């Protein structure tokens, strides 16, 4: 697989994640209107610069309701265009729209708090830089950057889990899946009824995440051993917690990891 093909796969997968997450926000417009705790009049109170300063005044035309719906619709449209074969300038413009709208939503608040949002913004910043400076080395540099970020993200999360008693004994895993916002009652009930299973499932996830960076030094034949559990983990997390954004954000990194491992960089 060529670097350009691998980078294209990254882009298509990441664009799918942005498209779906943007449409989810638009479909839940009551979460964004002025009667919600996630409304701009409420969120701008979290810091004086947003409540009274120039930053808040500059953000208001985009962050306030209903303008934020148009912002998200524009973001979804740009993401939907990216899988298509676009001219170079149009392609860079679509990437810039995704990056810019993501930054506005992050500054607005309640967006970007999930690791998936942060990872997607990072991916699209890297893709935009490659599009703005399309040198022969750019795809390789971006693929290495994304592969290393995948390793960093997993290792950081894994080390935290294996050093936390509440994660090692399964308490945190059961607790997260018991929440109304991001839980699943059936899964939580099973974990509660099977604490030993919850403990070893939590330990297994932590160990896999911690060891993930070894994918870069392991023989290529070991690649499925590292990626398959990740796919299963994110797919299961998406079903159990309704966080499909995490599935697409981290799945988008796998072509980069695969290219680095198989090609040797």
C-alpha atoms as a PDB file:
ATOM      1  CA  UNK A   1       0.000   0.000   0.000  1.00  0.00           C
ATOM      2  CA  UNK A   2       1.401   3.378  -1.005  1.00  0.00           C
ATOM      3  CA  UNK A   3       1.607   6.279   1.472  1.00  0.00           C
ATOM      4  CA  UNK A   4      -0.989   8.177  -0.566  1.00  0.00           C
ATOM      5  CA  UNK A   5      -3.438   5.261  -0.398  1.00  0.00           C
ATOM      6  CA  UNK A   6      -2.933   4.837   3.344  1.00  0.00           C
ATOM      7  CA  UNK A   7      -3.459   8.552   3.918  1.00  0.00           C
ATOM      8  CA  UNK A   8      -6.581   8.442   1.778  1.00  0.00           C
ATOM      9  CA  UNK A   9      -7.992   5.649   3.946  1.00  0.00           C
ATOM     10  CA  UNK A  10      -7.234   7.707   7.043  1.00  0.00           C
ATOM     11  CA  UNK A  11      -9.104  10.647   5.563  1.00  0.00           C
ATOM     12  CA  UNK A  12     -12.185   8.684   4.497  1.00  0.00           C
ATOM     13  CA  UNK A  13     -12.540   7.000   7.890  1.00  0.00           C
ATOM     14  CA  UNK A  14     -12.016  10.249   9.792  1.00  0.00           C
ATOM     15  CA  UNK A  15     -14.446  12.104   7.522  1.00  0.00           C
ATOM     16  CA  UNK A  16     -17.075   9.457   8.226  1.00  0.00           C
ATOM     17  CA  UNK A  17     -16.648  10.055  11.944  1.00  0.00           C
ATOM     18  CA  UNK A  18     -16.985  13.830  11.547  1.00  0.00           C
ATOM     19  CA  UNK A  19     -20.041  13.463   9.322  1.00  0.00           C
ATOM     20  CA  UNK A  20     -21.837  11.163  11.762  1.00  0.00           C
ATOM     21  CA  UNK A  21     -20.992  13.206  14.859  1.00  0.00           C
ATOM     22  CA  UNK A  22     -22.075  16.462  13.181  1.00  0.00           C
ATOM     23  CA  UNK A  23     -25.387  14.966  12.091  1.00  0.00           C
ATOM     24  CA  UNK A  24     -25.945  13.633  15.609  1.00  0.00           C
ATOM     25  CA  UNK A  25     -25.517  17.134  17.014  1.00  0.00           C
ATOM     26  CA  UNK A  26     -27.879  18.628  14.440  1.00  0.00           C
ATOM     27  CA  UNK A  27     -30.491  15.967  15.165  1.00  0.00           C
ATOM     28  CA  UNK A  28     -30.343  16.860  18.873  1.00  0.00           C
ATOM     29  CA  UNK A  29     -30.874  20.567  18.357  1.00  0.00           C
ATOM     30  CA  UNK A  30     -32.631  20.983  21.704  1.00  0.00           C
ATOM     31  CA  UNK A  31     -29.280  20.232  23.335  1.00  0.00           C
ATOM     32  CA  UNK A  32     -27.905  23.366  21.682  1.00  0.00           C
ATOM     33  CA  UNK A  33     -30.829  25.803  21.939  1.00  0.00           C
ATOM     34  CA  UNK A  34     -31.118  28.551  24.541  1.00  0.00           C
ATOM     35  CA  UNK A  35     -33.209  26.425  26.925  1.00  0.00           C
ATOM     36  CA  UNK A  36     -30.396  23.895  27.402  1.00  0.00           C
ATOM     37  CA  UNK A  37     -27.542  23.844  29.890  1.00  0.00           C
ATOM     38  CA  UNK A  38     -25.334  23.343  26.827  1.00  0.00           C
ATOM     39  CA  UNK A  39     -26.549  26.591  25.269  1.00  0.00           C
ATOM     40  CA  UNK A  40     -24.111  29.347  24.392  1.00  0.00           C
ATOM     41  CA  UNK A  41     -25.595  31.843  26.928  1.00  0.00           C
ATOM     42  CA  UNK A  42     -24.763  29.303  29.658  1.00  0.00           C
ATOM     43  CA  UNK A  43     -21.453  27.992  28.322  1.00  0.00           C
ATOM     44  CA  UNK A  44     -19.986  31.437  27.761  1.00  0.00           C
ATOM     45  CA  UNK A  45     -20.239  32.100  31.504  1.00  0.00           C
ATOM     46  CA  UNK A  46     -17.458  29.593  32.221  1.00  0.00           C
ATOM     47  CA  UNK A  47     -14.789  32.256  31.664  1.00  0.00           C
ATOM     48  CA  UNK A  48     -14.808  36.080  31.733  1.00  0.00           C
ATOM     49  CA  UNK A  49     -13.236  36.314  28.285  1.00  0.00           C
ATOM     50  CA  UNK A  50     -16.260  34.533  26.829  1.00  0.00           C
ATOM     51  CA  UNK A  51     -18.843  36.219  29.051  1.00  0.00           C
ATOM     52  CA  UNK A  52     -17.704  39.806  28.495  1.00  0.00           C
ATOM     53  CA  UNK A  53     -14.546  39.823  26.392  1.00  0.00           C
ATOM     54  CA  UNK A  54     -13.799  40.099  22.708  1.00  0.00           C
ATOM     55  CA  UNK A  55     -13.416  36.325  22.393  1.00  0.00           C
ATOM     56  CA  UNK A  56     -17.018  35.781  23.408  1.00  0.00           C
ATOM     57  CA  UNK A  57     -18.239  38.527  21.098  1.00  0.00           C
ATOM     58  CA  UNK A  58     -16.287  37.017  18.208  1.00  0.00           C
ATOM     59  CA  UNK A  59     -17.600  33.507  18.882  1.00  0.00           C
ATOM     60  CA  UNK A  60     -21.241  34.460  19.397  1.00  0.00           C
ATOM     61  CA  UNK A  61     -22.190  34.763  15.697  1.00  0.00           C
ATOM     62  CA  UNK A  62     -21.094  31.136  15.206  1.00  0.00           C
ATOM     63  CA  UNK A  63     -21.660  29.584  18.630  1.00  0.00           C
ATOM     64  CA  UNK A  64     -25.112  30.934  19.442  1.00  0.00           C
ATOM     65  CA  UNK A  65     -28.313  29.147  18.476  1.00  0.00           C
ATOM     66  CA  UNK A  66     -29.432  28.705  15.696  1.00  0.00           C
ATOM     67  CA  UNK A  67     -26.170  29.713  13.968  1.00  0.00           C
ATOM     68  CA  UNK A  68     -24.408  26.738  15.550  1.00  0.00           C
ATOM     69  CA  UNK A  69     -26.726  24.428  13.599  1.00  0.00           C
ATOM     70  CA  UNK A  70     -25.538  25.994  10.350  1.00  0.00           C
ATOM     71  CA  UNK A  71     -21.951  25.623  11.551  1.00  0.00           C
ATOM     72  CA  UNK A  72     -22.483  21.906  12.165  1.00  0.00           C
ATOM     73  CA  UNK A  73     -24.320  21.492   8.864  1.00  0.00           C
ATOM     74  CA  UNK A  74     -21.389  23.124   7.059  1.00  0.00           C
ATOM     75  CA  UNK A  75     -19.018  20.814   8.930  1.00  0.00           C
ATOM     76  CA  UNK A  76     -21.065  17.779   7.910  1.00  0.00           C
ATOM     77  CA  UNK A  77     -21.165  18.922   4.279  1.00  0.00           C
ATOM     78  CA  UNK A  78     -17.388  19.408   4.164  1.00  0.00           C
ATOM     79  CA  UNK A  79     -16.836  15.961   5.661  1.00  0.00           C
ATOM     80  CA  UNK A  80     -19.263  14.416   3.174  1.00  0.00           C
ATOM     81  CA  UNK A  81     -17.294  15.924   0.277  1.00  0.00           C
ATOM     82  CA  UNK A  82     -13.905  14.594   1.366  1.00  0.00           C
ATOM     83  CA  UNK A  83     -14.323  10.989   0.162  1.00  0.00           C
ATOM     84  CA  UNK A  84     -15.018  12.343  -3.340  1.00  0.00           C
ATOM     85  CA  UNK A  85     -12.160  13.059  -5.788  1.00  0.00           C
ATOM     86  CA  UNK A  86     -11.839  16.831  -5.388  1.00  0.00           C
ATOM     87  CA  UNK A  87      -9.475  19.313  -7.039  1.00  0.00           C
ATOM     88  CA  UNK A  88      -6.503  20.118  -4.821  1.00  0.00           C
ATOM     89  CA  UNK A  89      -7.767  23.539  -3.753  1.00  0.00           C
ATOM     90  CA  UNK A  90     -11.292  22.311  -3.040  1.00  0.00           C
ATOM     91  CA  UNK A  91      -9.855  19.402  -1.084  1.00  0.00           C
ATOM     92  CA  UNK A  92      -7.724  21.715   1.063  1.00  0.00           C
ATOM     93  CA  UNK A  93     -10.703  24.035   1.557  1.00  0.00           C
ATOM     94  CA  UNK A  94     -12.897  21.171   2.782  1.00  0.00           C
ATOM     95  CA  UNK A  95     -10.183  20.095   5.209  1.00  0.00           C
ATOM     96  CA  UNK A  96      -9.849  23.689   6.439  1.00  0.00           C
ATOM     97  CA  UNK A  97     -13.607  23.866   7.051  1.00  0.00           C
ATOM     98  CA  UNK A  98     -13.498  20.685   9.129  1.00  0.00           C
ATOM     99  CA  UNK A  99     -10.547  21.987  11.161  1.00  0.00           C
ATOM    100  CA  UNK A 100     -12.052  25.454  11.616  1.00  0.00           C
ATOM    101  CA  UNK A 101     -15.525  24.292  12.616  1.00  0.00           C
ATOM    102  CA  UNK A 102     -13.998  21.775  15.017  1.00  0.00           C
ATOM    103  CA  UNK A 103     -12.006  24.551  16.665  1.00  0.00           C
ATOM    104  CA  UNK A 104     -15.109  26.735  17.027  1.00  0.00           C
ATOM    105  CA  UNK A 105     -17.110  23.887  18.567  1.00  0.00           C
ATOM    106  CA  UNK A 106     -14.272  23.143  20.967  1.00  0.00           C
ATOM    107  CA  UNK A 107     -14.063  26.790  22.044  1.00  0.00           C
ATOM    108  CA  UNK A 108     -17.841  26.881  22.408  1.00  0.00           C
ATOM    109  CA  UNK A 109     -17.629  24.090  24.966  1.00  0.00           C
ATOM    110  CA  UNK A 110     -19.135  20.597  25.495  1.00  0.00           C
ATOM    111  CA  UNK A 111     -17.300  19.558  22.321  1.00  0.00           C
ATOM    112  CA  UNK A 112     -13.805  18.171  22.262  1.00  0.00           C
ATOM    113  CA  UNK A 113     -13.999  16.746  25.757  1.00  0.00           C
ATOM    114  CA  UNK A 114     -14.031  13.216  24.401  1.00  0.00           C
ATOM    115  CA  UNK A 115     -10.784  11.718  23.180  1.00  0.00           C
ATOM    116  CA  UNK A 116     -12.459  10.999  19.836  1.00  0.00           C
ATOM    117  CA  UNK A 117     -13.134  14.695  19.188  1.00  0.00           C
ATOM    118  CA  UNK A 118      -9.570  15.598  20.062  1.00  0.00           C
ATOM    119  CA  UNK A 119      -8.138  12.837  17.901  1.00  0.00           C
ATOM    120  CA  UNK A 120     -10.278  13.771  14.898  1.00  0.00           C
ATOM    121  CA  UNK A 121      -9.179  17.402  15.157  1.00  0.00           C
ATOM    122  CA  UNK A 122      -5.551  16.292  15.335  1.00  0.00           C
ATOM    123  CA  UNK A 123      -6.004  14.010  12.314  1.00  0.00           C
ATOM    124  CA  UNK A 124      -7.554  16.751  10.219  1.00  0.00           C
ATOM    125  CA  UNK A 125      -4.918  19.300  11.206  1.00  0.00           C
ATOM    126  CA  UNK A 126      -2.274  16.868   9.961  1.00  0.00           C
ATOM    127  CA  UNK A 127      -4.221  16.162   6.766  1.00  0.00           C
ATOM    128  CA  UNK A 128      -4.639  19.884   6.134  1.00  0.00           C
ATOM    129  CA  UNK A 129      -0.912  20.512   6.511  1.00  0.00           C
ATOM    130  CA  UNK A 130      -0.196  17.731   4.028  1.00  0.00           C
ATOM    131  CA  UNK A 131      -2.719  19.202   1.585  1.00  0.00           C
ATOM    132  CA  UNK A 132      -1.277  22.700   1.903  1.00  0.00           C
ATOM    133  CA  UNK A 133       2.278  21.461   1.389  1.00  0.00           C
ATOM    134  CA  UNK A 134       1.960  18.444  -0.938  1.00  0.00           C
ATOM    135  CA  UNK A 135       5.606  17.396  -1.027  1.00  0.00           C
ATOM    136  CA  UNK A 136       6.602  13.769  -1.724  1.00  0.00           C
ATOM    137  CA  UNK A 137       7.588  13.362   1.922  1.00  0.00           C
ATOM    138  CA  UNK A 138       4.358  14.812   3.350  1.00  0.00           C
ATOM    139  CA  UNK A 139       2.242  11.607   3.297  1.00  0.00           C
ATOM    140  CA  UNK A 140       5.003   9.631   5.006  1.00  0.00           C
ATOM    141  CA  UNK A 141       5.508  12.264   7.688  1.00  0.00           C
ATOM    142  CA  UNK A 142       1.781  12.487   8.397  1.00  0.00           C
ATOM    143  CA  UNK A 143       1.421   8.705   8.559  1.00  0.00           C
ATOM    144  CA  UNK A 144       4.298   8.448  11.019  1.00  0.00           C
ATOM    145  CA  UNK A 145       2.847  11.304  13.064  1.00  0.00           C
ATOM    146  CA  UNK A 146      -0.569   9.627  13.253  1.00  0.00           C
ATOM    147  CA  UNK A 147       0.877   6.199  14.032  1.00  0.00           C
ATOM    148  CA  UNK A 148       2.934   7.640  16.880  1.00  0.00           C
ATOM    149  CA  UNK A 149      -0.113   9.491  18.191  1.00  0.00           C
ATOM    150  CA  UNK A 150      -2.089   6.258  18.187  1.00  0.00           C
ATOM    151  CA  UNK A 151       0.647   4.648  20.267  1.00  0.00           C
ATOM    152  CA  UNK A 152       0.789   7.631  22.622  1.00  0.00           C
ATOM    153  CA  UNK A 153      -2.984   7.737  23.105  1.00  0.00           C
ATOM    154  CA  UNK A 154      -3.292   4.037  23.822  1.00  0.00           C
ATOM    155  CA  UNK A 155      -0.210   3.866  26.055  1.00  0.00           C
ATOM    156  CA  UNK A 156      -1.304   6.872  28.121  1.00  0.00           C
ATOM    157  CA  UNK A 157      -4.764   5.418  28.642  1.00  0.00           C
ATOM    158  CA  UNK A 158      -3.387   1.963  29.355  1.00  0.00           C
ATOM    159  CA  UNK A 159      -0.783   3.083  31.884  1.00  0.00           C
ATOM    160  CA  UNK A 160      -3.466   5.014  33.745  1.00  0.00           C
ATOM    161  CA  UNK A 161      -5.685   1.927  33.865  1.00  0.00           C
ATOM    162  CA  UNK A 162      -3.021  -0.533  35.002  1.00  0.00           C
ATOM    163  CA  UNK A 163      -1.861   1.823  37.762  1.00  0.00           C
ATOM    164  CA  UNK A 164      -5.379   2.604  39.009  1.00  0.00           C
ATOM    165  CA  UNK A 165      -6.844   0.222  41.553  1.00  0.00           C
ATOM    166  CA  UNK A 166     -10.384   1.112  40.510  1.00  0.00           C
ATOM    167  CA  UNK A 167      -9.608   0.098  36.931  1.00  0.00           C
ATOM    168  CA  UNK A 168      -7.670  -3.028  37.865  1.00  0.00           C
ATOM    169  CA  UNK A 169     -10.541  -4.414  39.937  1.00  0.00           C
ATOM    170  CA  UNK A 170     -13.175  -3.518  37.322  1.00  0.00           C
ATOM    171  CA  UNK A 171     -14.982  -0.939  39.471  1.00  0.00           C
ATOM    172  CA  UNK A 172     -14.468   1.936  37.036  1.00  0.00           C
ATOM    173  CA  UNK A 173     -15.474  -0.140  34.020  1.00  0.00           C
ATOM    174  CA  UNK A 174     -18.725  -1.161  35.697  1.00  0.00           C
ATOM    175  CA  UNK A 175     -19.303   2.382  36.922  1.00  0.00           C
ATOM    176  CA  UNK A 176     -18.860   3.985  33.509  1.00  0.00           C
ATOM    177  CA  UNK A 177     -21.221   1.509  31.881  1.00  0.00           C
ATOM    178  CA  UNK A 178     -23.799   2.109  34.630  1.00  0.00           C
ATOM    179  CA  UNK A 179     -24.215   5.802  33.821  1.00  0.00           C
ATOM    180  CA  UNK A 180     -27.331   7.117  32.099  1.00  0.00           C
ATOM    181  CA  UNK A 181     -25.360   9.265  29.679  1.00  0.00           C
ATOM    182  CA  UNK A 182     -22.866   6.735  28.321  1.00  0.00           C
ATOM    183  CA  UNK A 183     -23.955   3.427  29.773  1.00  0.00           C
ATOM    184  CA  UNK A 184     -25.792   0.266  28.881  1.00  0.00           C
ATOM    185  CA  UNK A 185     -27.966  -1.279  31.555  1.00  0.00           C
ATOM    186  CA  UNK A 186     -27.657  -4.807  30.234  1.00  0.00           C
ATOM    187  CA  UNK A 187     -23.869  -4.714  30.045  1.00  0.00           C
ATOM    188  CA  UNK A 188     -23.635  -2.984  33.424  1.00  0.00           C
ATOM    189  CA  UNK A 189     -25.923  -5.601  34.986  1.00  0.00           C
ATOM    190  CA  UNK A 190     -23.773  -8.414  33.587  1.00  0.00           C
ATOM    191  CA  UNK A 191     -20.570  -6.816  34.866  1.00  0.00           C
ATOM    192  CA  UNK A 192     -22.138  -6.249  38.286  1.00  0.00           C
ATOM    193  CA  UNK A 193     -23.218  -9.888  38.434  1.00  0.00           C
ATOM    194  CA  UNK A 194     -19.790 -11.091  37.257  1.00  0.00           C
ATOM    195  CA  UNK A 195     -17.171  -8.986  39.094  1.00  0.00           C
ATOM    196  CA  UNK A 196     -14.363 -11.390  38.210  1.00  0.00           C
ATOM    197  CA  UNK A 197     -15.209 -11.047  34.527  1.00  0.00           C
ATOM    198  CA  UNK A 198     -15.329  -7.250  34.875  1.00  0.00           C
ATOM    199  CA  UNK A 199     -11.936  -7.275  36.590  1.00  0.00           C
ATOM    200  CA  UNK A 200     -10.194  -9.317  33.920  1.00  0.00           C
ATOM    201  CA  UNK A 201     -11.893  -7.496  31.066  1.00  0.00           C
ATOM    202  CA  UNK A 202     -10.713  -4.181  32.491  1.00  0.00           C
ATOM    203  CA  UNK A 203      -7.206  -5.542  33.052  1.00  0.00           C
ATOM    204  CA  UNK A 204      -7.104  -6.951  29.549  1.00  0.00           C
ATOM    205  CA  UNK A 205      -8.023  -3.610  27.998  1.00  0.00           C
ATOM    206  CA  UNK A 206      -5.426  -1.815  30.117  1.00  0.00           C
ATOM    207  CA  UNK A 207      -2.710  -4.315  29.229  1.00  0.00           C
ATOM    208  CA  UNK A 208      -3.497  -4.181  25.508  1.00  0.00           C
ATOM    209  CA  UNK A 209      -3.439  -0.374  25.487  1.00  0.00           C
ATOM    210  CA  UNK A 210      -0.179  -0.248  27.428  1.00  0.00           C
ATOM    211  CA  UNK A 211       1.532  -2.721  25.104  1.00  0.00           C
ATOM    212  CA  UNK A 212       0.174  -1.214  21.876  1.00  0.00           C
ATOM    213  CA  UNK A 213       3.361   0.772  21.035  1.00  0.00           C
ATOM    214  CA  UNK A 214       5.160  -2.554  20.608  1.00  0.00           C
ATOM    215  CA  UNK A 215       3.327  -2.829  17.285  1.00  0.00           C
ATOM    216  CA  UNK A 216       6.008  -0.553  15.819  1.00  0.00           C
ATOM    217  CA  UNK A 217       8.825  -2.971  16.629  1.00  0.00           C
ATOM    218  CA  UNK A 218       7.020  -6.300  16.311  1.00  0.00           C
ATOM    219  CA  UNK A 219       7.237  -8.279  13.041  1.00  0.00           C
ATOM    220  CA  UNK A 220       4.512  -7.278  10.530  1.00  0.00           C
ATOM    221  CA  UNK A 221       2.858 -10.681  10.951  1.00  0.00           C
ATOM    222  CA  UNK A 222       1.867  -9.530  14.454  1.00  0.00           C
ATOM    223  CA  UNK A 223      -0.068  -6.522  13.146  1.00  0.00           C
ATOM    224  CA  UNK A 224      -3.522  -8.215  13.377  1.00  0.00           C
ATOM    225  CA  UNK A 225      -2.744  -9.220  16.966  1.00  0.00           C
ATOM    226  CA  UNK A 226      -2.548  -5.533  17.889  1.00  0.00           C
ATOM    227  CA  UNK A 227      -5.266  -4.093  15.631  1.00  0.00           C
ATOM    228  CA  UNK A 228      -8.025  -6.708  15.946  1.00  0.00           C
ATOM    229  CA  UNK A 229      -8.492  -6.216  19.714  1.00  0.00           C
ATOM    230  CA  UNK A 230      -8.616  -2.473  19.083  1.00  0.00           C
ATOM    231  CA  UNK A 231     -11.343  -2.840  16.504  1.00  0.00           C
ATOM    232  CA  UNK A 232     -13.310  -5.108  18.851  1.00  0.00           C
ATOM    233  CA  UNK A 233     -12.776  -2.725  21.772  1.00  0.00           C
ATOM    234  CA  UNK A 234     -13.948   0.390  19.937  1.00  0.00           C
ATOM    235  CA  UNK A 235     -16.871  -1.408  18.287  1.00  0.00           C
ATOM    236  CA  UNK A 236     -17.982  -2.780  21.646  1.00  0.00           C
ATOM    237  CA  UNK A 237     -17.530   0.617  23.275  1.00  0.00           C
ATOM    238  CA  UNK A 238     -19.613   2.198  20.506  1.00  0.00           C
ATOM    239  CA  UNK A 239     -22.454  -0.270  21.048  1.00  0.00           C
ATOM    240  CA  UNK A 240     -22.334  -0.201  24.850  1.00  0.00           C
ATOM    241  CA  UNK A 241     -21.839   3.552  25.317  1.00  0.00           C
ATOM    242  CA  UNK A 242     -23.194   4.953  22.075  1.00  0.00           C
ATOM    243  CA  UNK A 243     -19.798   6.510  21.325  1.00  0.00           C
ATOM    244  CA  UNK A 244     -19.419   5.692  17.659  1.00  0.00           C
ATOM    245  CA  UNK A 245     -17.157   8.729  17.288  1.00  0.00           C
ATOM    246  CA  UNK A 246     -14.446   6.851  19.162  1.00  0.00           C
ATOM    247  CA  UNK A 247     -14.744   3.967  16.713  1.00  0.00           C
ATOM    248  CA  UNK A 248     -14.168   6.155  13.653  1.00  0.00           C
ATOM    249  CA  UNK A 249     -11.538   8.406  15.236  1.00  0.00           C
ATOM    250  CA  UNK A 250      -9.242   5.582  16.284  1.00  0.00           C
ATOM    251  CA  UNK A 251     -10.060   3.322  13.349  1.00  0.00           C
ATOM    252  CA  UNK A 252      -8.853   6.180  11.132  1.00  0.00           C
ATOM    253  CA  UNK A 253      -5.393   5.782  12.665  1.00  0.00           C
ATOM    254  CA  UNK A 254      -5.094   2.105  11.794  1.00  0.00           C
ATOM    255  CA  UNK A 255      -4.134   2.590   8.121  1.00  0.00           C
ATOM    256  CA  UNK A 256      -1.288   4.805   9.350  1.00  0.00           C
ATOM    257  CA  UNK A 257      -0.157   2.200  11.866  1.00  0.00           C
ATOM    258  CA  UNK A 258      -0.479  -0.529   9.252  1.00  0.00           C
ATOM    259  CA  UNK A 259       1.544   1.372   6.668  1.00  0.00           C
ATOM    260  CA  UNK A 260       4.354   2.167   9.129  1.00  0.00           C
ATOM    261  CA  UNK A 261       4.572  -1.461  10.266  1.00  0.00           C
ATOM    262  CA  UNK A 262       4.300  -3.143   6.865  1.00  0.00           C
ATOM    263  CA  UNK A 263       6.427  -0.699   4.881  1.00  0.00           C
ATOM    264  CA  UNK A 264       8.964  -0.046   7.583  1.00  0.00           C
ATOM    265  CA  UNK A 265       8.430   3.674   7.081  1.00  0.00           C
END
